[in-house]
Amino acid sequence: MNNRVRIVVVGDSGVGKTCLTHLIAHNESLIRPGWTVGCNIQVKIHEFKEGTARQCPYFIELFDIGGSLSHKNTRSVFYSGIHGVILVHDLTNGKSQEQLLDWLYEIVNKEGKDTYKCRSASLPPSPSPVYGTDAHMRFDLEEFLGSTQIPILVMGTKLDLIDEKRQPKTAVKKAGGIADKCGAEEIWLNCRDTRSLAAGTTDAVKLSRFFDCVIEKRESNGCSGAHMVGPNATDRRRAANSQPTSPEFPMHAGKTSADVNSFVPLLETSDLK
């Protein structure tokens, strides 16, 4: 059995993706990270379903995708055969959180060239800095992702730079809401602090739960099947909708209530309408 999954880590340039993937893979901070050109790959060994009869080691391949606009038209090659997505934004930069919708579109479209073409030119500018509202939807997530339901995790970096008096954490969360719209869990952390993802912490449990979800989703699709993205995903969604007896969450069929309560929410696109 090929015990390996691929997760792409995307976000604007400078948000801290390289420091984040290094922390996840090696449990140590990266003092002087360089700019990523193309893709930087880190590998973490994760114990799937640790402490249960199903426990087994998995290789988690973290594809840190360079966020430079100059490489925008060539990085789609890294989006093939993926099993999960980590969206990264800078907690001190609200714009980087708003851009996560564009990154999602780029992944499912696998082109990287027409990200803004689906934005209506007739839409009025937003009167407030609230990101991720319906008026700023870059694309139809339901149409593109359909029934694929790629597991998604949202991570906010540079938590140590937030000024609690001038920029409280509650205000930062209200400014984006991308995690709520994707039905995904969210982690805020300081990538330079190795205690951020220390074993047993809440954030470490969230991350482990996300990895388990990615692996389980992969297994439910077959050992060799990665999530399909792009136009063909729409055809799969239409075919799935023609079978009303299909369960909404097939990967959780037959599980106990404890298992269901601990799963990582997948991308429920109907909530974005």
Protein backbone atom coordinates (compact mmCIF):
# COMPACT_ATOMS: atom_id res chain seq x y z
CA MET A 1 0.00 0.00 0.00
CA ASN A 2 1.23 3.46 -0.90
CA ASN A 3 1.05 5.24 2.46
CA ARG A 4 1.55 8.73 1.15
CA VAL A 5 -0.62 11.81 0.69
CA ARG A 6 0.09 15.16 -0.93
CA ILE A 7 -1.08 18.44 0.59
CA VAL A 8 -0.53 21.80 -1.10
CA VAL A 9 0.26 24.78 1.13
CA VAL A 10 -0.76 28.00 -0.59
CA GLY A 11 -1.03 31.68 0.23
CA ASP A 12 0.39 35.04 -0.76
CA SER A 13 4.12 35.60 -0.87
CA GLY A 14 5.58 36.47 2.53
CA VAL A 15 2.82 35.03 4.72
CA GLY A 16 5.18 32.44 6.21
CA LYS A 17 4.42 29.20 4.36
CA THR A 18 8.04 28.02 4.35
CA CYS A 19 8.43 28.59 8.11
CA LEU A 20 5.13 26.84 8.68
CA THR A 21 5.93 23.71 6.67
CA HIS A 22 9.37 23.49 8.28
CA LEU A 23 7.77 23.71 11.74
CA ILE A 24 5.22 21.01 10.89
CA ALA A 25 7.78 18.63 9.38
CA HIS A 26 10.68 19.11 11.80
CA ASN A 27 9.14 20.64 14.92
CA GLU A 28 11.69 23.42 14.86
CA SER A 29 11.65 27.05 13.78
CA LEU A 30 13.34 28.31 10.63
CA ILE A 31 15.41 31.36 11.49
CA ARG A 32 16.20 32.68 8.01
CA PRO A 33 13.76 31.38 5.42
CA GLY A 34 14.40 32.15 1.78
CA TRP A 35 11.93 32.99 -0.95
CA THR A 36 10.35 29.92 -2.49
CA VAL A 37 10.75 29.61 -6.26
CA GLY A 38 8.36 27.05 -7.70
CA CYS A 39 7.80 24.56 -4.90
CA ASN A 40 9.55 23.48 -1.72
CA ILE A 41 8.67 20.01 -0.42
CA GLN A 42 8.74 18.97 3.22
CA VAL A 43 7.81 15.47 4.44
CA LYS A 44 6.30 14.59 7.80
CA ILE A 45 5.67 11.09 9.14
CA HIS A 46 2.21 11.02 10.63
CA GLU A 47 0.65 8.19 12.62
CA PHE A 48 -2.79 7.70 11.11
CA LYS A 49 -5.50 6.93 13.70
CA GLU A 50 -2.89 6.75 16.44
CA GLY A 51 -3.90 4.59 19.36
CA THR A 52 -6.43 2.54 17.40
CA ALA A 53 -6.36 -0.78 15.57
CA ARG A 54 -6.03 1.14 12.29
CA GLN A 55 -2.84 2.95 13.30
CA CYS A 56 -0.18 3.04 10.61
CA PRO A 57 2.51 5.52 9.50
CA TYR A 58 1.82 7.83 6.56
CA PHE A 59 4.13 10.16 4.69
CA ILE A 60 2.60 13.63 4.53
CA GLU A 61 4.09 15.51 1.58
CA LEU A 62 3.74 19.24 2.11
CA PHE A 63 4.07 21.14 -1.17
CA ASP A 64 4.97 24.72 -0.23
CA ILE A 65 3.93 26.63 -3.35
CA GLY A 66 5.75 29.88 -4.11
CA GLY A 67 3.37 32.84 -3.96
CA SER A 68 5.14 35.14 -6.39
CA LEU A 69 2.93 36.49 -9.16
CA SER A 70 5.78 36.03 -11.65
CA HIS A 71 5.33 32.24 -11.40
CA LYS A 72 1.55 32.28 -11.40
CA ASN A 73 1.15 30.78 -14.89
CA THR A 74 3.45 27.81 -14.24
CA ARG A 75 2.61 26.55 -10.76
CA SER A 76 -0.56 24.70 -11.81
CA VAL A 77 1.64 21.63 -12.39
CA PHE A 78 1.83 21.20 -8.61
CA TYR A 79 -1.95 20.98 -8.22
CA SER A 80 -2.36 17.57 -9.86
CA GLY A 81 -2.88 14.54 -7.64
CA ILE A 82 -3.46 16.47 -4.41
CA HIS A 83 -5.35 15.11 -1.42
CA GLY A 84 -5.71 18.21 0.76
CA VAL A 85 -5.19 21.97 0.92
CA ILE A 86 -3.74 24.22 3.62
CA LEU A 87 -4.63 27.89 3.11
CA VAL A 88 -2.16 30.24 4.81
CA HIS A 89 -2.60 33.92 5.56
CA ASP A 90 -0.82 36.58 7.59
CA LEU A 91 -2.89 37.62 10.61
CA THR A 92 -1.46 41.14 10.38
CA ASN A 93 -2.40 41.46 6.69
CA GLY A 94 -6.12 41.25 5.96
CA LYS A 95 -5.47 41.34 2.21
CA SER A 96 -3.67 37.98 2.39
CA GLN A 97 -6.80 36.46 3.91
CA GLU A 98 -9.04 37.89 1.21
CA GLN A 99 -6.76 36.42 -1.47
CA LEU A 100 -7.35 32.86 -0.22
CA LEU A 101 -10.47 32.66 -2.38
CA ASP A 102 -8.31 33.36 -5.43
CA TRP A 103 -5.91 30.61 -4.35
CA LEU A 104 -8.81 28.17 -4.07
CA TYR A 105 -9.94 29.09 -7.56
CA GLU A 106 -6.43 28.66 -8.91
CA ILE A 107 -6.23 25.16 -7.43
CA VAL A 108 -9.57 23.89 -8.72
CA ASN A 109 -9.12 25.56 -12.10
CA LYS A 110 -5.53 24.27 -12.45
CA GLU A 111 -4.77 27.10 -14.84
CA GLY A 112 -3.58 30.08 -12.84
CA LYS A 113 -4.28 32.48 -15.69
CA ASP A 114 -7.93 33.45 -15.38
CA THR A 115 -8.40 33.89 -11.65
CA TYR A 116 -10.09 37.26 -11.92
CA LYS A 117 -12.15 36.66 -15.08
CA CYS A 118 -15.08 35.31 -13.08
CA ARG A 119 -15.36 38.48 -11.04
CA SER A 120 -18.14 40.59 -12.47
CA ALA A 121 -16.99 43.99 -13.66
CA SER A 122 -20.37 45.40 -12.69
CA LEU A 123 -19.94 44.62 -9.01
CA PRO A 124 -19.64 47.77 -6.91
CA PRO A 125 -16.58 48.16 -4.69
CA SER A 126 -16.97 46.90 -1.17
CA PRO A 127 -17.96 49.71 1.22
CA SER A 128 -16.15 48.00 4.09
CA PRO A 129 -12.94 45.98 4.55
CA VAL A 130 -14.89 42.80 5.25
CA TYR A 131 -13.35 40.09 3.10
CA GLY A 132 -14.98 37.01 1.66
CA THR A 133 -18.47 38.46 1.26
CA ASP A 134 -20.78 37.35 -1.52
CA ALA A 135 -19.98 40.49 -3.49
CA HIS A 136 -16.35 39.44 -3.62
CA MET A 137 -16.80 35.79 -4.60
CA ARG A 138 -14.23 35.05 -7.30
CA PHE A 139 -15.96 31.94 -8.57
CA ASP A 140 -18.72 29.41 -7.96
CA LEU A 141 -17.19 26.99 -5.45
CA GLU A 142 -20.14 24.64 -5.73
CA GLU A 143 -19.74 24.44 -9.50
CA PHE A 144 -15.98 23.83 -9.41
CA LEU A 145 -15.53 21.65 -6.35
CA GLY A 146 -18.82 19.84 -6.52
CA SER A 147 -18.75 16.52 -4.73
CA THR A 148 -14.94 16.31 -4.45
CA GLN A 149 -14.95 17.95 -0.99
CA ILE A 150 -11.20 18.38 -0.72
CA PRO A 151 -10.23 18.60 2.99
CA ILE A 152 -9.16 22.14 3.81
CA LEU A 153 -7.36 23.67 6.78
CA VAL A 154 -6.90 27.42 7.27
CA MET A 155 -3.81 28.61 9.13
CA GLY A 156 -3.02 32.16 10.26
CA THR A 157 0.63 33.01 10.89
CA LYS A 158 2.52 35.74 12.79
CA LEU A 159 0.26 35.56 15.81
CA ASP A 160 3.04 37.10 17.88
CA LEU A 161 2.83 40.32 15.85
CA ILE A 162 -0.80 41.04 16.67
CA ASP A 163 -1.16 44.03 18.97
CA GLU A 164 -3.92 43.03 21.38
CA LYS A 165 -4.86 46.65 22.04
CA ARG A 166 -4.95 47.98 18.49
CA GLN A 167 -5.90 44.79 16.67
CA PRO A 168 -7.69 42.28 18.93
CA LYS A 169 -7.94 38.67 17.76
CA THR A 170 -11.72 38.85 17.45
CA ALA A 171 -11.41 41.68 14.93
CA VAL A 172 -8.96 39.68 12.82
CA LYS A 173 -11.31 36.73 12.64
CA LYS A 174 -14.28 38.88 11.65
CA ALA A 175 -12.20 40.43 8.87
CA GLY A 176 -12.01 37.19 6.94
CA GLY A 177 -14.30 34.28 7.71
CA ILE A 178 -12.78 32.08 4.98
CA ALA A 179 -12.67 29.12 7.38
CA ASP A 180 -16.35 29.50 8.22
CA LYS A 181 -17.29 29.68 4.56
CA CYS A 182 -15.28 26.55 3.78
CA GLY A 183 -16.53 24.70 6.85
CA ALA A 184 -12.88 24.21 7.81
CA GLU A 185 -11.00 24.35 11.08
CA GLU A 186 -8.58 27.20 11.67
CA ILE A 187 -5.25 27.43 13.46
CA TRP A 188 -3.46 30.62 14.48
CA LEU A 189 0.16 30.31 15.49
CA ASN A 190 3.62 31.81 15.73
CA CYS A 191 5.86 29.77 13.42
CA ARG A 192 8.97 30.82 15.32
CA ASP A 193 7.70 29.24 18.53
CA THR A 194 8.20 25.46 18.58
CA ARG A 195 5.56 25.20 21.30
CA SER A 196 2.88 26.28 18.81
CA LEU A 197 2.37 22.72 17.59
CA ALA A 198 3.72 20.84 20.62
CA ALA A 199 2.22 17.39 21.14
CA GLY A 200 -1.01 17.51 23.09
CA THR A 201 -1.83 21.15 22.39
CA THR A 202 -5.16 22.11 20.87
CA ASP A 203 -3.58 23.20 17.60
CA ALA A 204 -1.53 20.01 17.33
CA VAL A 205 -4.72 17.98 17.78
CA LYS A 206 -6.45 20.02 15.06
CA LEU A 207 -3.54 19.45 12.68
CA SER A 208 -3.44 15.71 13.40
CA ARG A 209 -7.19 15.51 12.88
CA PHE A 210 -6.82 17.26 9.52
CA PHE A 211 -4.11 14.81 8.41
CA ASP A 212 -6.34 11.89 9.45
CA CYS A 213 -9.20 13.39 7.45
CA VAL A 214 -7.02 13.77 4.35
CA ILE A 215 -5.82 10.18 4.62
CA GLU A 216 -9.28 8.78 5.25
CA LYS A 217 -10.73 10.72 2.34
CA ARG A 218 -7.96 9.37 0.12
CA GLU A 219 -8.66 5.82 1.22
CA SER A 220 -12.37 6.26 0.58
CA ASN A 221 -11.54 7.30 -2.99
CA GLY A 222 -9.22 4.33 -3.53
CA CYS A 223 -5.51 3.91 -2.86
CA SER A 224 -4.42 5.53 -6.11
CA GLY A 225 -7.13 8.14 -6.41
CA ALA A 226 -6.38 11.74 -5.59
CA HIS A 227 -9.03 14.41 -5.56
CA MET A 228 -10.13 15.43 -9.01
CA VAL A 229 -10.15 19.16 -9.61
CA GLY A 230 -11.13 21.16 -12.64
CA PRO A 231 -14.04 20.85 -15.10
CA ASN A 232 -14.30 17.04 -14.73
CA ALA A 233 -15.21 17.50 -11.09
CA THR A 234 -18.43 19.17 -12.19
CA ASP A 235 -19.39 16.10 -14.21
CA ARG A 236 -18.77 13.90 -11.17
CA ARG A 237 -20.95 16.18 -9.07
CA ARG A 238 -23.82 15.99 -11.55
CA ALA A 239 -23.56 12.22 -11.69
CA ALA A 240 -23.56 12.04 -7.90
CA ASN A 241 -26.63 14.26 -7.71
CA SER A 242 -28.52 11.88 -9.99
CA GLN A 243 -28.28 9.19 -7.31
CA PRO A 244 -30.39 10.37 -4.37
CA THR A 245 -29.49 7.31 -2.31
CA SER A 246 -25.82 8.31 -2.04
CA PRO A 247 -24.89 9.40 1.49
CA GLU A 248 -23.85 12.98 1.94
CA PHE A 249 -20.74 11.99 3.84
CA PRO A 250 -19.80 8.48 2.61
CA MET A 251 -16.45 8.55 4.38
CA HIS A 252 -18.17 8.60 7.76
CA ALA A 253 -20.73 5.88 7.08
CA GLY A 254 -20.90 3.33 9.88
CA LYS A 255 -18.79 5.33 12.31
CA THR A 256 -19.57 5.89 15.95
CA SER A 257 -20.80 9.22 17.22
CA ALA A 258 -17.38 9.84 18.80
CA ASP A 259 -15.66 9.42 15.44
CA VAL A 260 -18.13 11.70 13.68
CA ASN A 261 -17.74 14.44 16.26
CA SER A 262 -13.96 14.45 15.84
CA PHE A 263 -13.76 14.68 12.06
CA VAL A 264 -12.46 17.73 10.23
CA PRO A 265 -15.22 19.58 8.37
CA LEU A 266 -14.87 19.36 4.61
CA LEU A 267 -15.62 22.12 2.15
CA GLU A 268 -19.38 22.52 2.11
CA THR A 269 -19.89 24.77 -0.88
CA SER A 270 -23.60 25.24 -0.35
CA ASP A 271 -22.80 27.48 2.64
CA LEU A 272 -21.13 29.97 0.35
CA LYS A 273 -24.28 31.01 -1.41
